[in-house]
N, C-alpha and C. Protein backbone atom coordinates (compact mmCIF):
# COMPACT_ATOMS: atom_id res chain seq x y z
N GLU A 1 35.69 0.99 -4.61
CA GLU A 1 35.09 -0.12 -3.92
C GLU A 1 35.99 -1.30 -4.54
N GLN A 2 36.47 -1.68 -3.24
CA GLN A 2 37.20 -3.17 -3.74
C GLN A 2 37.01 -4.03 -3.08
N LYS A 3 37.42 -5.19 -3.01
CA LYS A 3 37.39 -6.53 -1.76
C LYS A 3 39.15 -6.52 -1.63
N TRP A 4 39.04 -6.20 -0.29
CA TRP A 4 40.83 -6.95 0.20
C TRP A 4 40.55 -8.04 1.13
N SER A 5 41.94 -8.24 1.20
CA SER A 5 41.53 -9.69 2.20
C SER A 5 42.53 -9.69 3.49
N ARG A 6 41.88 -9.81 4.81
CA ARG A 6 42.73 -9.91 5.69
C ARG A 6 43.74 -10.85 5.82
N LYS A 7 44.25 -10.71 6.89
CA LYS A 7 45.59 -11.65 7.23
C LYS A 7 45.14 -13.20 7.15
N ASP A 8 43.92 -13.38 7.94
CA ASP A 8 43.21 -14.54 8.23
C ASP A 8 42.03 -15.00 7.14
N GLY A 9 42.72 -14.30 5.76
CA GLY A 9 41.71 -14.65 4.60
C GLY A 9 40.77 -14.36 4.85
N THR A 10 39.76 -13.98 5.45
CA THR A 10 38.60 -13.28 5.13
C THR A 10 38.18 -12.05 4.61
N GLU A 11 37.32 -11.86 4.09
CA GLU A 11 37.50 -10.92 2.59
C GLU A 11 36.77 -9.74 3.40
N VAL A 12 37.38 -8.37 2.65
CA VAL A 12 36.51 -7.24 3.66
C VAL A 12 36.44 -5.98 2.44
N ASP A 13 34.91 -5.68 2.31
CA ASP A 13 34.49 -4.57 1.50
C ASP A 13 34.89 -3.08 1.66
N ILE A 14 35.60 -2.53 0.95
CA ILE A 14 37.01 -1.07 1.37
C ILE A 14 36.63 0.05 0.44
N GLU A 15 36.08 0.74 0.58
CA GLU A 15 36.22 2.03 0.19
C GLU A 15 37.37 2.87 -0.17
N LEU A 16 37.89 3.11 -1.40
CA LEU A 16 39.35 3.86 -1.03
C LEU A 16 39.52 5.09 -1.76
N ASN A 17 39.90 6.09 -1.37
CA ASN A 17 39.76 7.98 -1.57
C ASN A 17 40.96 7.74 -1.60
N ILE A 18 41.46 8.21 -2.89
CA ILE A 18 42.96 8.80 -3.16
C ILE A 18 42.92 10.04 -3.52
N ARG A 19 44.26 11.41 -3.01
CA ARG A 19 44.55 12.19 -3.46
C ARG A 19 45.77 11.98 -3.96
N VAL A 20 46.03 13.05 -5.16
CA VAL A 20 47.45 13.38 -5.46
C VAL A 20 48.29 14.53 -4.69
N LEU A 21 49.26 14.78 -4.21
CA LEU A 21 49.58 15.58 -3.01
C LEU A 21 51.22 16.08 -4.19
N GLU A 22 51.77 17.34 -3.55
CA GLU A 22 53.15 17.23 -4.08
C GLU A 22 53.96 17.16 -4.14
N GLY A 23 54.65 16.72 -5.32
CA GLY A 23 56.12 15.56 -5.02
C GLY A 23 55.27 14.03 -6.07
N ASN A 24 54.33 13.87 -6.61
CA ASN A 24 53.80 12.24 -6.70
C ASN A 24 53.59 11.76 -5.62
N LYS A 25 53.24 12.16 -4.58
CA LYS A 25 52.86 11.25 -3.32
C LYS A 25 51.25 11.47 -3.38
N TYR A 26 50.92 10.48 -2.79
CA TYR A 26 49.49 10.24 -2.29
C TYR A 26 48.92 10.14 -1.13
N LEU A 27 47.82 10.00 -1.16
CA LEU A 27 47.43 10.05 0.53
C LEU A 27 46.27 9.46 0.13
N VAL A 28 45.91 7.91 0.41
CA VAL A 28 44.96 7.49 0.53
C VAL A 28 44.75 6.83 2.18
N ILE A 29 42.88 6.91 2.18
CA ILE A 29 42.30 6.76 2.79
C ILE A 29 41.44 5.27 2.22
N ALA A 30 41.81 4.17 3.36
CA ALA A 30 41.17 3.14 2.81
C ALA A 30 39.49 3.09 4.12
N ARG A 31 38.37 2.42 4.03
CA ARG A 31 37.88 2.63 5.16
C ARG A 31 36.98 1.58 4.96
N ASP A 32 37.07 0.07 5.97
CA ASP A 32 35.81 -0.98 5.92
C ASP A 32 34.25 -0.35 5.48
N ILE A 33 33.83 -0.87 4.49
CA ILE A 33 32.26 -0.80 4.56
C ILE A 33 31.14 -2.17 4.06
N SER A 34 32.07 -3.11 4.66
CA SER A 34 31.62 -4.42 4.74
C SER A 34 30.13 -4.08 5.49
N GLN A 35 30.11 -3.17 6.86
CA GLN A 35 28.75 -3.21 7.57
C GLN A 35 27.76 -2.93 6.70
N ARG A 36 27.59 -1.66 6.01
CA ARG A 36 27.02 -0.97 4.64
C ARG A 36 26.08 -1.97 3.91
N LYS A 37 28.03 -2.80 3.26
CA LYS A 37 27.55 -3.12 2.27
C LYS A 37 26.39 -4.50 2.71
N GLN A 38 26.52 -4.46 3.89
CA GLN A 38 25.50 -5.96 4.41
C GLN A 38 23.96 -5.28 4.63
N THR A 39 24.43 -4.24 4.95
CA THR A 39 23.15 -3.36 5.55
C THR A 39 22.19 -3.38 4.17
N GLU A 40 22.83 -2.68 3.11
CA GLU A 40 22.47 -2.36 1.42
C GLU A 40 21.72 -3.86 1.13
N ALA A 41 22.62 -5.26 1.23
CA ALA A 41 21.89 -6.24 0.94
C ALA A 41 20.52 -6.49 1.40
N SER A 42 20.71 -6.41 2.66
CA SER A 42 19.44 -6.61 3.38
C SER A 42 18.37 -6.05 3.29
N VAL A 43 18.37 -4.52 2.98
CA VAL A 43 17.62 -4.03 2.77
C VAL A 43 17.11 -4.01 1.19
N ARG A 44 18.01 -4.17 0.68
CA ARG A 44 17.15 -5.36 -0.89
C ARG A 44 16.66 -6.22 -0.99
N GLU A 45 16.49 -7.11 -0.45
CA GLU A 45 16.04 -8.47 0.22
C GLU A 45 14.93 -8.08 0.59
N SER A 46 14.58 -6.89 1.35
CA SER A 46 13.60 -7.05 2.41
C SER A 46 12.83 -6.22 1.29
N GLU A 47 13.21 -5.40 0.29
CA GLU A 47 12.80 -4.86 -0.56
C GLU A 47 11.86 -6.09 -1.86
N LYS A 48 12.73 -6.93 -2.01
CA LYS A 48 12.24 -8.36 -2.62
C LYS A 48 10.69 -9.01 -2.14
N LYS A 49 11.51 -8.90 -0.92
CA LYS A 49 10.47 -9.53 0.05
C LYS A 49 8.82 -8.97 -0.25
N TYR A 50 9.07 -7.58 0.01
CA TYR A 50 7.65 -6.45 -0.36
C TYR A 50 7.20 -6.29 -1.07
N ARG A 51 7.76 -6.36 -2.23
CA ARG A 51 7.45 -6.42 -3.96
C ARG A 51 6.49 -7.97 -4.24
N ILE A 52 7.16 -8.92 -3.65
CA ILE A 52 6.67 -9.98 -4.16
C ILE A 52 5.11 -10.16 -3.29
N ILE A 53 5.53 -9.46 -2.02
CA ILE A 53 3.81 -9.75 -1.40
C ILE A 53 2.68 -8.65 -1.87
N PHE A 54 3.44 -7.47 -2.17
CA PHE A 54 2.60 -6.28 -2.68
C PHE A 54 1.79 -7.10 -4.02
N GLU A 55 2.56 -7.54 -4.93
CA GLU A 55 2.61 -8.26 -6.02
C GLU A 55 1.30 -9.31 -5.89
N ASN A 56 0.86 -10.22 -5.21
CA ASN A 56 0.33 -11.26 -5.00
C ASN A 56 -0.73 -11.32 -4.13
N ILE A 57 -0.42 -10.08 -3.66
CA ILE A 57 -1.83 -9.87 -2.80
C ILE A 57 -3.33 -9.62 -3.08
N GLN A 58 -4.28 -10.35 -2.41
CA GLN A 58 -5.21 -10.77 -3.00
C GLN A 58 -6.18 -9.66 -2.65
N ASP A 59 -6.22 -8.94 -1.55
CA ASP A 59 -6.81 -7.21 -1.37
C ASP A 59 -6.16 -6.71 -1.99
N VAL A 60 -6.97 -4.97 -1.90
CA VAL A 60 -5.99 -4.11 -2.59
C VAL A 60 -5.61 -3.34 -1.94
N SER A 61 -3.82 -3.08 -1.93
CA SER A 61 -3.53 -2.00 -1.10
C SER A 61 -3.34 -0.56 -1.64
N TYR A 62 -2.95 0.22 -1.28
CA TYR A 62 -3.35 1.98 -2.34
C TYR A 62 -2.42 2.49 -1.25
N GLN A 63 -1.87 3.48 -1.90
CA GLN A 63 -1.73 5.09 -1.40
C GLN A 63 -1.99 5.81 -2.35
N THR A 64 -2.86 7.40 -1.25
CA THR A 64 -3.07 8.14 -2.17
C THR A 64 -2.98 8.87 -0.98
N SER A 65 -2.64 10.25 -2.03
CA SER A 65 -2.19 11.78 -1.59
C SER A 65 -3.79 12.36 -1.05
N PHE A 66 -3.60 13.33 0.11
CA PHE A 66 -4.96 13.96 0.97
C PHE A 66 -5.60 14.73 -0.49
N SER A 67 -4.85 15.47 -1.73
CA SER A 67 -5.79 15.61 -2.57
C SER A 67 -6.23 14.81 -3.47
N GLY A 68 -6.31 13.33 -3.38
CA GLY A 68 -6.90 12.22 -4.22
C GLY A 68 -6.16 11.77 -5.18
N LYS A 69 -4.62 12.20 -5.36
CA LYS A 69 -3.75 11.47 -6.44
C LYS A 69 -3.91 10.06 -6.09
N ILE A 70 -3.86 8.98 -6.88
CA ILE A 70 -3.33 7.58 -6.40
C ILE A 70 -1.96 7.92 -6.75
N LEU A 71 -1.18 7.08 -5.54
CA LEU A 71 0.27 7.31 -5.69
C LEU A 71 1.05 5.82 -6.28
N ASP A 72 -0.08 4.62 -5.12
CA ASP A 72 0.17 3.27 -5.87
C ASP A 72 -0.95 2.84 -5.12
N MET A 73 -0.77 1.47 -6.42
CA MET A 73 -1.75 0.68 -6.18
C MET A 73 -1.56 -0.68 -6.37
N SER A 74 -1.15 -2.53 -5.81
CA SER A 74 -1.14 -3.00 -5.83
C SER A 74 -1.92 -3.40 -7.23
N PRO A 75 -1.68 -4.40 -7.72
CA PRO A 75 -2.11 -5.56 -9.35
C PRO A 75 -2.90 -5.96 -8.98
N SER A 76 -3.62 -6.17 -7.76
CA SER A 76 -5.24 -7.40 -7.63
C SER A 76 -6.27 -5.96 -7.87
N ILE A 77 -5.76 -5.04 -7.69
CA ILE A 77 -7.51 -4.21 -8.58
C ILE A 77 -7.64 -4.35 -9.74
N ILE A 78 -6.99 -5.05 -10.28
CA ILE A 78 -7.55 -5.44 -11.76
C ILE A 78 -8.61 -6.94 -11.18
N ASN A 79 -8.87 -7.25 -10.27
CA ASN A 79 -9.67 -8.30 -9.75
C ASN A 79 -10.99 -8.46 -8.95
N HIS A 80 -11.12 -6.24 -8.68
CA HIS A 80 -11.99 -5.86 -7.22
C HIS A 80 -12.45 -4.93 -8.13
N LEU A 81 -12.35 -3.97 -9.43
CA LEU A 81 -12.71 -3.05 -10.01
C LEU A 81 -12.17 -2.93 -11.42
N GLY A 82 -11.35 -3.94 -12.10
CA GLY A 82 -10.92 -3.59 -13.63
C GLY A 82 -10.30 -3.78 -14.24
N TYR A 83 -9.81 -2.33 -13.33
CA TYR A 83 -8.40 -1.72 -13.85
C TYR A 83 -7.06 -2.10 -13.58
N THR A 84 -6.43 -1.56 -14.48
CA THR A 84 -5.34 -2.05 -14.15
C THR A 84 -4.38 -1.12 -13.17
N ARG A 85 -3.52 -1.29 -12.63
CA ARG A 85 -2.53 -0.39 -11.62
C ARG A 85 -1.98 0.98 -12.60
N ASN A 86 -1.69 0.57 -13.87
CA ASN A 86 -1.14 1.27 -14.22
C ASN A 86 -2.26 2.19 -15.17
N GLU A 87 -3.17 2.15 -14.97
CA GLU A 87 -4.43 2.95 -15.53
C GLU A 87 -4.67 3.57 -14.67
N LEU A 88 -4.74 3.55 -13.15
CA LEU A 88 -5.54 4.37 -11.96
C LEU A 88 -3.89 5.18 -11.38
N ILE A 89 -3.05 4.84 -11.92
CA ILE A 89 -1.56 4.78 -10.98
C ILE A 89 -1.88 6.44 -11.79
N GLY A 90 -1.60 8.10 -10.83
CA GLY A 90 -1.41 8.95 -10.75
C GLY A 90 -2.57 9.46 -11.22
N THR A 91 -3.63 8.87 -10.80
CA THR A 91 -5.11 9.69 -11.78
C THR A 91 -5.98 9.85 -10.47
N SER A 92 -7.36 10.22 -10.57
CA SER A 92 -7.78 10.68 -9.30
C SER A 92 -8.49 9.79 -8.61
N VAL A 93 -8.30 8.98 -7.37
CA VAL A 93 -8.76 8.25 -7.02
C VAL A 93 -10.25 8.02 -6.53
N TYR A 94 -11.25 9.81 -7.08
CA TYR A 94 -12.55 9.91 -6.89
C TYR A 94 -13.02 9.32 -8.23
N ARG A 95 -12.27 8.95 -8.97
CA ARG A 95 -12.82 8.06 -10.12
C ARG A 95 -13.16 6.56 -9.48
N LEU A 96 -12.67 6.45 -8.35
CA LEU A 96 -12.82 4.96 -8.26
C LEU A 96 -14.33 5.05 -7.19
N TYR A 97 -14.60 6.31 -6.86
CA TYR A 97 -15.79 6.28 -6.22
C TYR A 97 -17.20 6.25 -6.79
N TYR A 98 -17.95 5.47 -5.68
CA TYR A 98 -19.65 5.44 -6.95
C TYR A 98 -20.28 7.02 -5.94
N ASP A 99 -20.09 7.51 -5.15
CA ASP A 99 -20.27 8.55 -4.94
C ASP A 99 -19.41 9.60 -3.98
N PRO A 100 -18.89 10.52 -5.33
CA PRO A 100 -17.62 11.22 -4.71
C PRO A 100 -17.61 12.02 -2.96
N LYS A 101 -18.69 12.10 -2.66
CA LYS A 101 -19.27 12.69 -1.35
C LYS A 101 -18.43 11.13 -0.19
N ASP A 102 -18.51 10.22 -0.86
CA ASP A 102 -18.17 9.11 0.77
C ASP A 102 -16.80 9.58 0.44
N ARG A 103 -16.03 9.65 -0.32
CA ARG A 103 -14.24 10.11 -0.25
C ARG A 103 -14.04 11.33 0.82
N GLU A 104 -14.91 12.37 1.07
CA GLU A 104 -14.73 13.54 1.49
C GLU A 104 -15.29 12.88 3.29
N LYS A 105 -16.36 11.69 3.43
CA LYS A 105 -16.41 11.44 4.82
C LYS A 105 -15.20 10.66 5.36
N LEU A 106 -14.56 9.61 4.75
CA LEU A 106 -14.19 9.07 4.55
C LEU A 106 -12.76 10.03 5.03
N LEU A 107 -11.96 11.22 4.43
CA LEU A 107 -11.46 12.01 5.05
C LEU A 107 -11.34 12.47 6.46
N ASN A 108 -12.78 13.24 6.52
CA ASN A 108 -13.82 13.77 7.77
C ASN A 108 -13.23 12.34 9.08
N GLN A 109 -12.90 11.13 8.73
CA GLN A 109 -13.36 10.14 10.25
C GLN A 109 -11.56 9.86 9.83
N LEU A 110 -11.08 9.58 8.99
CA LEU A 110 -9.78 9.37 8.94
C LEU A 110 -8.88 10.25 9.11
N GLN A 111 -9.13 11.90 9.65
CA GLN A 111 -8.54 12.63 10.09
C GLN A 111 -8.82 12.67 11.62
N ALA A 112 -9.97 12.61 11.72
CA ALA A 112 -10.19 12.93 13.33
C ALA A 112 -9.57 11.52 13.75
N ARG A 113 -10.07 10.36 13.29
CA ARG A 113 -9.24 8.96 14.43
C ARG A 113 -7.69 8.67 13.75
N GLY A 114 -7.18 9.48 12.86
CA GLY A 114 -5.99 8.91 12.31
C GLY A 114 -6.14 7.67 11.69
N GLU A 115 -6.68 6.70 11.76
CA GLU A 115 -6.70 5.54 11.27
C GLU A 115 -8.28 5.19 11.06
N LEU A 116 -8.58 4.39 10.02
CA LEU A 116 -9.75 3.23 9.90
C LEU A 116 -9.46 1.79 9.64
N LYS A 117 -10.47 1.12 10.72
CA LYS A 117 -10.84 0.04 10.57
C LYS A 117 -12.15 -0.44 9.61
N ASP A 118 -12.42 -1.72 8.88
CA ASP A 118 -13.51 -1.86 8.49
C ASP A 118 -14.45 -1.18 7.71
N TYR A 119 -13.91 -0.01 7.22
CA TYR A 119 -14.75 0.95 7.07
C TYR A 119 -15.46 1.05 5.87
N GLU A 120 -16.73 0.56 5.45
CA GLU A 120 -17.33 0.19 4.55
C GLU A 120 -18.15 1.53 3.15
N THR A 121 -17.41 1.25 2.42
CA THR A 121 -18.11 2.05 0.81
C THR A 121 -18.40 1.44 0.30
N ARG A 122 -18.66 2.32 -1.07
CA ARG A 122 -19.23 1.84 -2.37
C ARG A 122 -17.84 2.56 -3.29
N PHE A 123 -17.44 1.48 -4.16
CA PHE A 123 -16.48 2.02 -5.29
C PHE A 123 -17.27 1.69 -6.72
N ILE A 124 -16.87 2.53 -7.42
CA ILE A 124 -17.64 1.66 -9.07
C ILE A 124 -16.52 1.19 -10.01
N SER A 125 -16.55 -0.03 -10.91
CA SER A 125 -15.83 -0.69 -11.22
C SER A 125 -15.92 -0.08 -12.24
N ASN A 126 -14.74 -0.32 -13.18
CA ASN A 126 -14.29 -0.49 -14.32
C ASN A 126 -15.71 -0.72 -15.46
N ASP A 127 -16.12 -1.19 -15.01
CA ASP A 127 -17.57 -1.50 -16.16
C ASP A 127 -18.86 -0.90 -15.52
N GLY A 128 -18.87 -0.28 -14.81
CA GLY A 128 -19.65 0.87 -13.87
C GLY A 128 -20.87 0.37 -12.77
N GLN A 129 -20.05 -1.01 -12.94
CA GLN A 129 -21.44 -1.55 -11.69
C GLN A 129 -20.72 -1.37 -10.03
N PHE A 130 -21.47 -0.87 -9.03
CA PHE A 130 -20.83 -0.74 -7.82
C PHE A 130 -20.97 -1.85 -6.78
N VAL A 131 -19.30 -1.56 -6.24
CA VAL A 131 -18.82 -2.75 -5.54
C VAL A 131 -18.91 -2.44 -4.25
N TYR A 132 -19.78 -2.99 -3.23
CA TYR A 132 -19.11 -2.58 -1.84
C TYR A 132 -17.40 -3.34 -1.49
N THR A 133 -16.71 -2.09 -0.97
CA THR A 133 -15.48 -2.30 -0.17
C THR A 133 -15.73 -2.07 1.33
N SER A 134 -14.92 -2.82 2.18
CA SER A 134 -14.34 -3.07 3.43
C SER A 134 -12.89 -2.52 3.63
N LEU A 135 -12.03 -0.52 4.00
CA LEU A 135 -11.24 -0.82 3.28
C LEU A 135 -10.54 0.09 4.87
N ASN A 136 -9.96 -0.42 5.03
CA ASN A 136 -8.80 -0.02 6.46
C ASN A 136 -7.48 1.23 6.02
N ALA A 137 -7.48 2.47 6.67
CA ALA A 137 -6.94 3.35 6.23
C ALA A 137 -5.84 3.70 7.35
N ARG A 138 -4.67 4.78 6.97
CA ARG A 138 -4.13 5.27 7.84
C ARG A 138 -3.51 6.38 7.00
N ILE A 139 -3.31 7.64 8.30
CA ILE A 139 -2.55 8.51 8.13
C ILE A 139 -1.25 8.22 8.28
N ILE A 140 -0.12 8.72 6.92
CA ILE A 140 1.46 8.26 7.34
C ILE A 140 1.47 9.88 7.68
N LYS A 141 2.64 10.03 8.27
CA LYS A 141 3.11 11.44 8.47
C LYS A 141 4.37 11.72 8.12
N ASP A 142 4.95 12.99 8.07
CA ASP A 142 7.21 12.32 8.19
C ASP A 142 6.69 12.67 8.90
N SER A 143 8.63 13.01 9.66
CA SER A 143 8.98 13.33 10.94
C SER A 143 8.97 14.23 11.49
N ASN A 144 8.29 14.95 11.41
CA ASN A 144 7.92 16.40 11.98
C ASN A 144 6.19 16.65 12.57
N GLY A 145 5.66 15.33 12.29
CA GLY A 145 4.38 14.95 12.33
C GLY A 145 3.17 15.46 11.24
N SER A 146 3.67 15.77 10.31
CA SER A 146 3.01 16.57 9.34
C SER A 146 2.44 15.53 8.74
N PRO A 147 1.21 15.65 8.02
CA PRO A 147 0.73 14.09 7.33
C PRO A 147 1.12 14.24 5.72
N VAL A 148 1.66 12.94 5.45
CA VAL A 148 2.03 13.32 4.32
C VAL A 148 1.45 12.39 2.79
N HIS A 149 1.17 11.22 3.88
CA HIS A 149 -0.22 10.80 2.33
C HIS A 149 -1.11 9.35 2.92
N ILE A 150 -2.08 8.76 2.61
CA ILE A 150 -2.76 7.89 3.11
C ILE A 150 -2.69 6.52 2.70
N ASP A 151 -1.91 5.54 3.51
CA ASP A 151 -1.42 4.13 2.82
C ASP A 151 -2.91 3.17 3.74
N GLY A 152 -3.18 2.77 2.83
CA GLY A 152 -4.44 1.36 3.06
C GLY A 152 -4.79 0.29 2.75
N MET A 153 -5.67 -0.62 2.64
CA MET A 153 -6.44 -1.55 2.00
C MET A 153 -7.44 -1.67 2.21
N PHE A 154 -8.37 -2.58 0.71
CA PHE A 154 -9.64 -2.63 0.98
C PHE A 154 -9.81 -4.24 -0.24
N ARG A 155 -10.95 -4.66 0.37
CA ARG A 155 -11.43 -5.79 0.00
C ARG A 155 -12.27 -5.74 -0.89
N ASN A 156 -13.11 -6.26 -1.36
CA ASN A 156 -14.48 -6.62 -2.21
C ASN A 156 -15.30 -7.35 -1.41
N ILE A 157 -16.60 -6.24 -1.19
CA ILE A 157 -16.96 -7.59 0.15
C ILE A 157 -18.79 -7.57 -0.69
N SER A 158 -18.71 -7.08 -2.19
CA SER A 158 -20.26 -7.36 -2.47
C SER A 158 -20.64 -9.16 -2.17
N GLU A 159 -20.33 -10.24 -2.64
CA GLU A 159 -20.88 -10.65 -2.52
C GLU A 159 -21.44 -11.01 -0.87
N ARG A 160 -20.82 -10.79 0.34
CA ARG A 160 -21.38 -10.42 1.47
C ARG A 160 -22.67 -9.62 2.17
N LYS A 161 -22.25 -8.70 0.76
CA LYS A 161 -23.48 -7.64 1.33
C LYS A 161 -25.03 -8.11 0.59
N ARG A 162 -24.44 -8.52 -0.66
CA ARG A 162 -25.28 -9.68 -1.56
C ARG A 162 -26.18 -10.64 -0.34
N MET A 163 -25.15 -11.64 0.00
CA MET A 163 -26.34 -12.60 1.40
C MET A 163 -26.79 -12.02 2.50
N GLU A 164 -26.05 -10.79 2.74
CA GLU A 164 -27.25 -10.24 4.02
C GLU A 164 -28.15 -9.36 3.78
N SER A 165 -28.79 -8.85 2.61
CA SER A 165 -29.62 -8.54 1.62
C SER A 165 -30.78 -9.41 1.46
N LEU A 166 -30.02 -10.79 1.09
CA LEU A 166 -30.80 -12.04 0.67
C LEU A 166 -31.73 -12.22 2.32
N LEU A 167 -30.70 -12.53 3.35
CA LEU A 167 -30.80 -12.91 4.57
C LEU A 167 -32.06 -12.43 5.16
N VAL A 168 -32.06 -10.45 5.17
CA VAL A 168 -33.15 -9.75 5.45
C VAL A 168 -34.25 -10.55 4.77
N GLU A 169 -34.64 -9.89 3.88
CA GLU A 169 -35.38 -10.54 2.75
C GLU A 169 -36.40 -12.09 3.00
N GLN A 170 -34.93 -12.90 3.20
CA GLN A 170 -35.84 -14.20 3.56
C GLN A 170 -36.27 -14.03 5.05
N LYS A 171 -35.88 -13.40 6.21
CA LYS A 171 -36.12 -13.46 7.17
C LYS A 171 -37.32 -11.98 7.14
N GLU A 172 -37.84 -11.58 6.43
CA GLU A 172 -38.84 -10.57 5.98
C GLU A 172 -40.25 -11.23 5.08
N GLN A 173 -40.07 -12.45 4.67
CA GLN A 173 -40.67 -13.26 4.29
C GLN A 173 -41.15 -14.47 5.13
N LEU A 174 -40.34 -14.83 5.96
CA LEU A 174 -40.29 -15.72 6.73
C LEU A 174 -41.66 -15.05 7.87
N THR A 175 -41.68 -14.09 8.35
CA THR A 175 -42.21 -13.07 9.12
C THR A 175 -43.77 -12.62 8.67
N LEU A 176 -43.68 -12.59 7.42
CA LEU A 176 -45.14 -12.32 6.91
C LEU A 176 -45.80 -13.52 7.29
N PHE A 177 -44.83 -14.80 6.17
CA PHE A 177 -45.95 -16.14 6.34
C PHE A 177 -46.07 -17.14 8.04
N ILE A 178 -45.51 -16.61 8.59
CA ILE A 178 -45.94 -16.91 10.39
C ILE A 178 -46.69 -16.21 10.52
N GLU A 179 -46.83 -14.71 10.56
CA GLU A 179 -48.34 -13.72 10.84
C GLU A 179 -49.25 -13.90 9.67
N HIS A 180 -49.50 -14.58 8.90
CA HIS A 180 -51.09 -14.77 8.05
C HIS A 180 -51.50 -16.37 8.04
N SER A 181 -50.41 -16.98 8.71
CA SER A 181 -50.45 -18.25 8.79
C SER A 181 -51.82 -18.52 9.94
N PRO A 182 -52.76 -19.58 9.66
CA PRO A 182 -53.59 -19.69 10.38
C PRO A 182 -52.90 -20.66 11.50
């Protein structure tokens, strides 16, 4: 690959293929690869933007196999469950579920629908506490339509669940107070 200049002074990326022929002759094929180079640069820039988003997202982005192997996980996992990304990649997703049967329920619903939104389940943190989560998941298929893996995101909704429980408790107390007041 080389850069050549056109008559108008603009530079062009060129790919050269050279073959030696009989009689000290050469066959040279020069091909303009400027468009390919621009596309490659665009892809690199897009990957860079994706990586920045992936590494700084507050929710947890994940990718798992159907068998339950964690293929990828955003670094934000440490803020939600106390694990580092590297601790989890390559391990079983079942270690995150408070009840492993919940994973099977999720898979059944995901296979029936193809996608889940705001699906609530409980995970277990690195320190053994259960964490309520709301997750979105989608089956990713190959060009033949065969399932390849699961992509998704989840967020910790433990505080919201705690507040809902507290609200129900206060409502029950208020109801009892009203029923028993003179």
